[in-house]
Amino acid sequence: MNRAVALALALAASSAATAQDKAQSIAAQVCAACHAPDGNSVAPSNPKLAGQFPDYLQKQLRDFKTQDGKKPLRESAIMNGMVANLSDDDMKGLAAFYAGQAQKPAAASDKELAAVGQKLWRGGDAAHAIPACEGCHGPAGAGIPAQFPRLSGQFADYVATQLTAFREGKRTNDRNGVMRGVAAHMNDGQIKAVAEYAAGLRP
């Protein structure tokens, strides 16, 4: 290996380490209050970020940010302000940081409700045009990288809130309106049941 290549590799490694250090610093100083230092939020209203796909996390951060003077694709009184000063590199670094953390999963607390959710997750409800959740998020809720997020072990309250937001058109940053189309056919009971089941899933 010649000196030029060695120097380039050393600079790249140093740059990566610096970016990682910055991401950890932002996570500790800005994000930890709501999501905990390692992304394992203890508040059911705040999602667990640990173990989520980095591309999904990066997209959500980007969608919370105002771009070219236009309103953000995903609106939140809290998150819109939090991401305002983050660069693309910051968001990429944060996404990688949280994706690398081990999730401490939530749990289903209502077995009967989770059993109803299991039926919807696995088989959907053809009579009401509700597809099976596992078709996109996997049998165990592990998701599909770059397409559908991991839902296993996520707080039931958070999942239910997001499904309701999709149904009511308050959240609109789903690709091709897929989640809005699904949630539009779900009632409150079905949303709570699926969310409860997801909380108890383990990939």
C-alpha atoms as a PDB file:
ATOM      1  CA  MET A   1       0.000   0.000   0.000  1.00  0.00           C
ATOM      2  CA  ASN A   2       1.505   3.336  -0.988  1.00  0.00           C
ATOM      3  CA  ARG A   3       1.579   6.362   1.285  1.00  0.00           C
ATOM      4  CA  ALA A   4      -1.154   8.235  -0.620  1.00  0.00           C
ATOM      5  CA  VAL A   5      -3.627   5.374  -0.247  1.00  0.00           C
ATOM      6  CA  ALA A   6      -2.729   4.911   3.401  1.00  0.00           C
ATOM      7  CA  LEU A   7      -3.239   8.624   4.050  1.00  0.00           C
ATOM      8  CA  ALA A   8      -6.588   8.611   2.276  1.00  0.00           C
ATOM      9  CA  LEU A   9      -7.768   5.644   4.331  1.00  0.00           C
ATOM     10  CA  ALA A  10      -6.599   7.272   7.542  1.00  0.00           C
ATOM     11  CA  LEU A  11      -8.427  10.507   6.705  1.00  0.00           C
ATOM     12  CA  ALA A  12     -11.595   8.595   5.849  1.00  0.00           C
ATOM     13  CA  ALA A  13     -11.427   6.688   9.134  1.00  0.00           C
ATOM     14  CA  SER A  14     -10.841   9.902  11.048  1.00  0.00           C
ATOM     15  CA  SER A  15     -13.761  11.598   9.294  1.00  0.00           C
ATOM     16  CA  ALA A  16     -16.063   8.652  10.059  1.00  0.00           C
ATOM     17  CA  ALA A  17     -15.025   8.688  13.707  1.00  0.00           C
ATOM     18  CA  THR A  18     -15.646  12.440  13.915  1.00  0.00           C
ATOM     19  CA  ALA A  19     -19.119  12.048  12.361  1.00  0.00           C
ATOM     20  CA  GLN A  20     -19.937   9.252  14.791  1.00  0.00           C
ATOM     21  CA  ASP A  21     -18.768  11.336  17.749  1.00  0.00           C
ATOM     22  CA  LYS A  22     -20.923  14.249  16.581  1.00  0.00           C
ATOM     23  CA  ALA A  23     -23.974  12.018  16.188  1.00  0.00           C
ATOM     24  CA  GLN A  24     -23.520  10.637  19.704  1.00  0.00           C
ATOM     25  CA  SER A  25     -23.148  14.168  21.026  1.00  0.00           C
ATOM     26  CA  ILE A  26     -26.376  15.315  19.347  1.00  0.00           C
ATOM     27  CA  ALA A  27     -28.172  12.205  20.586  1.00  0.00           C
ATOM     28  CA  ALA A  28     -27.039  12.865  24.142  1.00  0.00           C
ATOM     29  CA  GLN A  29     -27.666  16.608  24.183  1.00  0.00           C
ATOM     30  CA  VAL A  30     -30.764  16.968  22.008  1.00  0.00           C
ATOM     31  CA  CYS A  31     -32.572  13.645  21.564  1.00  0.00           C
ATOM     32  CA  ALA A  32     -32.058  11.911  24.904  1.00  0.00           C
ATOM     33  CA  ALA A  33     -34.725  13.886  26.748  1.00  0.00           C
ATOM     34  CA  CYS A  34     -37.459  12.184  24.722  1.00  0.00           C
ATOM     35  CA  HIS A  35     -35.832   9.074  23.277  1.00  0.00           C
ATOM     36  CA  ALA A  36     -33.265   8.228  26.005  1.00  0.00           C
ATOM     37  CA  PRO A  37     -29.490   8.201  25.346  1.00  0.00           C
ATOM     38  CA  ASP A  38     -29.597   4.872  23.491  1.00  0.00           C
ATOM     39  CA  GLY A  39     -32.903   5.346  21.700  1.00  0.00           C
ATOM     40  CA  ASN A  40     -34.889   3.200  24.126  1.00  0.00           C
ATOM     41  CA  SER A  41     -37.531   5.715  25.100  1.00  0.00           C
ATOM     42  CA  VAL A  42     -39.349   5.057  28.367  1.00  0.00           C
ATOM     43  CA  ALA A  43     -42.373   7.198  27.442  1.00  0.00           C
ATOM     44  CA  PRO A  44     -45.002   5.322  25.383  1.00  0.00           C
ATOM     45  CA  SER A  45     -45.773   8.474  23.407  1.00  0.00           C
ATOM     46  CA  ASN A  46     -42.181   8.678  22.144  1.00  0.00           C
ATOM     47  CA  PRO A  47     -41.025   5.937  19.765  1.00  0.00           C
ATOM     48  CA  LYS A  48     -38.172   3.577  20.413  1.00  0.00           C
ATOM     49  CA  LEU A  49     -35.478   4.396  17.850  1.00  0.00           C
ATOM     50  CA  ALA A  50     -32.964   1.729  18.842  1.00  0.00           C
ATOM     51  CA  GLY A  51     -32.598  -0.985  16.224  1.00  0.00           C
ATOM     52  CA  GLN A  52     -34.687   0.787  13.592  1.00  0.00           C
ATOM     53  CA  PHE A  53     -33.489   0.792   9.990  1.00  0.00           C
ATOM     54  CA  PRO A  54     -31.103   3.712   9.359  1.00  0.00           C
ATOM     55  CA  ASP A  55     -32.662   4.642   6.017  1.00  0.00           C
ATOM     56  CA  TYR A  56     -36.108   4.805   7.627  1.00  0.00           C
ATOM     57  CA  LEU A  57     -34.846   6.974  10.489  1.00  0.00           C
ATOM     58  CA  GLN A  58     -33.021   9.259   8.085  1.00  0.00           C
ATOM     59  CA  LYS A  59     -36.159   9.676   5.968  1.00  0.00           C
ATOM     60  CA  GLN A  60     -38.245  10.578   9.014  1.00  0.00           C
ATOM     61  CA  LEU A  61     -35.713  13.169  10.166  1.00  0.00           C
ATOM     62  CA  ARG A  62     -35.573  14.636   6.671  1.00  0.00           C
ATOM     63  CA  ASP A  63     -39.384  14.694   6.436  1.00  0.00           C
ATOM     64  CA  PHE A  64     -39.622  16.627   9.713  1.00  0.00           C
ATOM     65  CA  LYS A  65     -37.390  19.366   8.295  1.00  0.00           C
ATOM     66  CA  THR A  66     -38.587  22.355   6.307  1.00  0.00           C
ATOM     67  CA  GLN A  67     -37.092  22.174   2.803  1.00  0.00           C
ATOM     68  CA  ASP A  68     -36.733  25.187   0.497  1.00  0.00           C
ATOM     69  CA  GLY A  69     -39.269  27.188   2.472  1.00  0.00           C
ATOM     70  CA  LYS A  70     -41.966  24.540   2.074  1.00  0.00           C
ATOM     71  CA  LYS A  71     -43.739  23.062   5.056  1.00  0.00           C
ATOM     72  CA  PRO A  72     -42.285  19.734   6.210  1.00  0.00           C
ATOM     73  CA  LEU A  73     -43.724  16.478   4.881  1.00  0.00           C
ATOM     74  CA  ARG A  74     -44.251  15.315   8.452  1.00  0.00           C
ATOM     75  CA  GLU A  75     -45.495  17.890  10.923  1.00  0.00           C
ATOM     76  CA  SER A  76     -44.791  17.797  14.654  1.00  0.00           C
ATOM     77  CA  ALA A  77     -44.746  20.685  17.100  1.00  0.00           C
ATOM     78  CA  ILE A  78     -41.694  19.129  18.761  1.00  0.00           C
ATOM     79  CA  MET A  79     -39.725  17.390  16.024  1.00  0.00           C
ATOM     80  CA  ASN A  80     -39.927  20.157  13.419  1.00  0.00           C
ATOM     81  CA  GLY A  81     -37.966  22.417  15.750  1.00  0.00           C
ATOM     82  CA  MET A  82     -35.553  19.703  16.809  1.00  0.00           C
ATOM     83  CA  VAL A  83     -34.358  18.965  13.283  1.00  0.00           C
ATOM     84  CA  ALA A  84     -34.298  22.556  12.050  1.00  0.00           C
ATOM     85  CA  ASN A  85     -30.542  22.943  12.465  1.00  0.00           C
ATOM     86  CA  LEU A  86     -29.496  19.407  11.539  1.00  0.00           C
ATOM     87  CA  SER A  87     -27.502  18.930   8.356  1.00  0.00           C
ATOM     88  CA  ASP A  88     -27.946  15.941   6.047  1.00  0.00           C
ATOM     89  CA  ASP A  89     -24.757  14.477   7.526  1.00  0.00           C
ATOM     90  CA  ASP A  90     -26.100  14.990  11.047  1.00  0.00           C
ATOM     91  CA  MET A  91     -29.288  13.140  10.188  1.00  0.00           C
ATOM     92  CA  LYS A  92     -27.355  10.339   8.508  1.00  0.00           C
ATOM     93  CA  GLY A  93     -25.106  10.056  11.556  1.00  0.00           C
ATOM     94  CA  LEU A  94     -28.013  10.004  13.999  1.00  0.00           C
ATOM     95  CA  ALA A  95     -29.830   7.386  11.952  1.00  0.00           C
ATOM     96  CA  ALA A  96     -26.748   5.162  11.938  1.00  0.00           C
ATOM     97  CA  PHE A  97     -26.189   5.689  15.650  1.00  0.00           C
ATOM     98  CA  TYR A  98     -29.716   4.677  16.678  1.00  0.00           C
ATOM     99  CA  ALA A  99     -29.831   1.799  14.207  1.00  0.00           C
ATOM    100  CA  GLY A 100     -26.742   0.390  15.913  1.00  0.00           C
ATOM    101  CA  GLN A 101     -28.309   0.366  19.369  1.00  0.00           C
ATOM    102  CA  ALA A 102     -30.028  -2.718  20.790  1.00  0.00           C
ATOM    103  CA  GLN A 103     -33.742  -2.276  21.296  1.00  0.00           C
ATOM    104  CA  LYS A 104     -35.246  -2.940  24.704  1.00  0.00           C
ATOM    105  CA  PRO A 105     -38.649  -4.039  23.440  1.00  0.00           C
ATOM    106  CA  ALA A 106     -41.995  -3.042  24.837  1.00  0.00           C
ATOM    107  CA  ALA A 107     -44.554  -5.741  25.637  1.00  0.00           C
ATOM    108  CA  ALA A 108     -48.215  -6.459  25.030  1.00  0.00           C
ATOM    109  CA  SER A 109     -50.171  -5.875  28.225  1.00  0.00           C
ATOM    110  CA  ASP A 110     -53.614  -7.027  27.063  1.00  0.00           C
ATOM    111  CA  LYS A 111     -53.528 -10.639  25.850  1.00  0.00           C
ATOM    112  CA  GLU A 112     -57.108 -10.651  24.542  1.00  0.00           C
ATOM    113  CA  LEU A 113     -56.571  -7.474  22.546  1.00  0.00           C
ATOM    114  CA  ALA A 114     -53.259  -8.804  21.231  1.00  0.00           C
ATOM    115  CA  ALA A 115     -55.027 -11.987  20.072  1.00  0.00           C
ATOM    116  CA  VAL A 116     -57.420  -9.883  17.991  1.00  0.00           C
ATOM    117  CA  GLY A 117     -54.438  -7.973  16.640  1.00  0.00           C
ATOM    118  CA  GLN A 118     -52.683 -11.208  15.741  1.00  0.00           C
ATOM    119  CA  LYS A 119     -55.526 -12.193  13.421  1.00  0.00           C
ATOM    120  CA  LEU A 120     -55.366  -8.849  11.639  1.00  0.00           C
ATOM    121  CA  TRP A 121     -51.580  -8.919  11.503  1.00  0.00           C
ATOM    122  CA  ARG A 122     -51.463 -12.380   9.977  1.00  0.00           C
ATOM    123  CA  GLY A 123     -54.603 -12.498   7.878  1.00  0.00           C
ATOM    124  CA  GLY A 124     -56.003  -8.998   7.569  1.00  0.00           C
ATOM    125  CA  ASP A 125     -59.737  -8.446   7.163  1.00  0.00           C
ATOM    126  CA  ALA A 126     -60.856  -9.034   3.593  1.00  0.00           C
ATOM    127  CA  ALA A 127     -64.416  -7.931   4.335  1.00  0.00           C
ATOM    128  CA  HIS A 128     -63.146  -4.457   5.206  1.00  0.00           C
ATOM    129  CA  ALA A 129     -60.267  -4.315   2.681  1.00  0.00           C
ATOM    130  CA  ILE A 130     -57.593  -4.452   5.371  1.00  0.00           C
ATOM    131  CA  PRO A 131     -54.484  -6.341   4.198  1.00  0.00           C
ATOM    132  CA  ALA A 132     -52.383  -8.438   6.556  1.00  0.00           C
ATOM    133  CA  CYS A 133     -49.769  -6.296   8.301  1.00  0.00           C
ATOM    134  CA  GLU A 134     -47.181  -9.026   7.911  1.00  0.00           C
ATOM    135  CA  GLY A 135     -47.281  -8.574   4.147  1.00  0.00           C
ATOM    136  CA  CYS A 136     -45.157  -5.440   4.516  1.00  0.00           C
ATOM    137  CA  HIS A 137     -43.795  -5.532   8.058  1.00  0.00           C
ATOM    138  CA  GLY A 138     -43.030  -9.255   8.208  1.00  0.00           C
ATOM    139  CA  PRO A 139     -44.488 -12.088  10.314  1.00  0.00           C
ATOM    140  CA  ALA A 140     -42.450 -10.995  13.354  1.00  0.00           C
ATOM    141  CA  GLY A 141     -42.603  -7.261  12.689  1.00  0.00           C
ATOM    142  CA  ALA A 142     -38.978  -7.050  11.544  1.00  0.00           C
ATOM    143  CA  GLY A 143     -39.901  -4.864   8.562  1.00  0.00           C
ATOM    144  CA  ILE A 144     -38.118  -4.611   5.234  1.00  0.00           C
ATOM    145  CA  PRO A 145     -35.066  -2.326   4.976  1.00  0.00           C
ATOM    146  CA  ALA A 146     -35.541   0.796   2.826  1.00  0.00           C
ATOM    147  CA  GLN A 147     -39.253   0.049   2.485  1.00  0.00           C
ATOM    148  CA  PHE A 148     -41.145  -0.687   5.689  1.00  0.00           C
ATOM    149  CA  PRO A 149     -40.082   0.019   9.291  1.00  0.00           C
ATOM    150  CA  ARG A 150     -39.543  -2.459  12.052  1.00  0.00           C
ATOM    151  CA  LEU A 151     -42.568  -2.446  14.389  1.00  0.00           C
ATOM    152  CA  SER A 152     -41.742  -5.325  16.708  1.00  0.00           C
ATOM    153  CA  GLY A 153     -41.343  -4.210  20.313  1.00  0.00           C
ATOM    154  CA  GLN A 154     -42.536  -0.672  19.600  1.00  0.00           C
ATOM    155  CA  PHE A 155     -44.850   1.002  22.113  1.00  0.00           C
ATOM    156  CA  ALA A 156     -48.503   0.140  21.441  1.00  0.00           C
ATOM    157  CA  ASP A 157     -49.540   3.719  22.230  1.00  0.00           C
ATOM    158  CA  TYR A 158     -47.143   5.121  19.654  1.00  0.00           C
ATOM    159  CA  VAL A 159     -48.153   2.680  16.905  1.00  0.00           C
ATOM    160  CA  ALA A 160     -51.843   3.370  17.563  1.00  0.00           C
ATOM    161  CA  THR A 161     -51.263   7.116  17.445  1.00  0.00           C
ATOM    162  CA  GLN A 162     -49.479   6.875  14.106  1.00  0.00           C
ATOM    163  CA  LEU A 163     -52.130   4.622  12.571  1.00  0.00           C
ATOM    164  CA  THR A 164     -54.802   7.060  13.690  1.00  0.00           C
ATOM    165  CA  ALA A 165     -52.816   9.950  12.213  1.00  0.00           C
ATOM    166  CA  PHE A 166     -52.559   8.106   8.899  1.00  0.00           C
ATOM    167  CA  ARG A 167     -56.286   7.369   8.946  1.00  0.00           C
ATOM    168  CA  GLU A 168     -57.184  10.992   9.633  1.00  0.00           C
ATOM    169  CA  GLY A 169     -54.724  12.378   7.088  1.00  0.00           C
ATOM    170  CA  LYS A 170     -52.653  14.105   9.758  1.00  0.00           C
ATOM    171  CA  ARG A 171     -49.586  12.105   8.783  1.00  0.00           C
ATOM    172  CA  THR A 172     -48.954  12.028   5.054  1.00  0.00           C
ATOM    173  CA  ASN A 173     -45.303  11.090   4.539  1.00  0.00           C
ATOM    174  CA  ASP A 174     -45.959   7.440   3.717  1.00  0.00           C
ATOM    175  CA  ARG A 175     -44.681   6.427   0.291  1.00  0.00           C
ATOM    176  CA  ASN A 176     -47.479   6.280  -2.274  1.00  0.00           C
ATOM    177  CA  GLY A 177     -50.062   6.731   0.484  1.00  0.00           C
ATOM    178  CA  VAL A 178     -49.819   3.052   1.416  1.00  0.00           C
ATOM    179  CA  MET A 179     -50.448   3.461   5.147  1.00  0.00           C
ATOM    180  CA  ARG A 180     -53.176   6.020   4.640  1.00  0.00           C
ATOM    181  CA  GLY A 181     -54.924   3.562   2.358  1.00  0.00           C
ATOM    182  CA  VAL A 182     -54.696   0.774   4.922  1.00  0.00           C
ATOM    183  CA  ALA A 183     -55.578   2.818   7.999  1.00  0.00           C
ATOM    184  CA  ALA A 184     -58.571   4.388   6.260  1.00  0.00           C
ATOM    185  CA  HIS A 185     -60.391   1.055   6.625  1.00  0.00           C
ATOM    186  CA  MET A 186     -59.484   0.457  10.283  1.00  0.00           C
ATOM    187  CA  ASN A 187     -61.656   1.373  13.262  1.00  0.00           C
ATOM    188  CA  ASP A 188     -60.306   2.371  16.674  1.00  0.00           C
ATOM    189  CA  GLY A 189     -60.571  -1.164  18.032  1.00  0.00           C
ATOM    190  CA  GLN A 190     -58.632  -2.680  15.156  1.00  0.00           C
ATOM    191  CA  ILE A 191     -55.927  -0.039  15.432  1.00  0.00           C
ATOM    192  CA  LYS A 192     -55.491  -0.662  19.153  1.00  0.00           C
ATOM    193  CA  ALA A 193     -55.444  -4.431  18.643  1.00  0.00           C
ATOM    194  CA  VAL A 194     -52.765  -4.367  15.934  1.00  0.00           C
ATOM    195  CA  ALA A 195     -50.670  -1.932  17.975  1.00  0.00           C
ATOM    196  CA  GLU A 196     -50.918  -4.150  21.043  1.00  0.00           C
ATOM    197  CA  TYR A 197     -49.844  -7.197  19.059  1.00  0.00           C
ATOM    198  CA  ALA A 198     -46.885  -5.367  17.504  1.00  0.00           C
ATOM    199  CA  ALA A 199     -45.609  -4.378  20.951  1.00  0.00           C
ATOM    200  CA  GLY A 200     -45.273  -8.026  21.886  1.00  0.00           C
ATOM    201  CA  LEU A 201     -43.563  -9.189  18.692  1.00  0.00           C
ATOM    202  CA  ARG A 202     -39.913 -10.241  18.683  1.00  0.00           C
ATOM    203  CA  PRO A 203     -37.964 -10.594  15.413  1.00  0.00           C
END
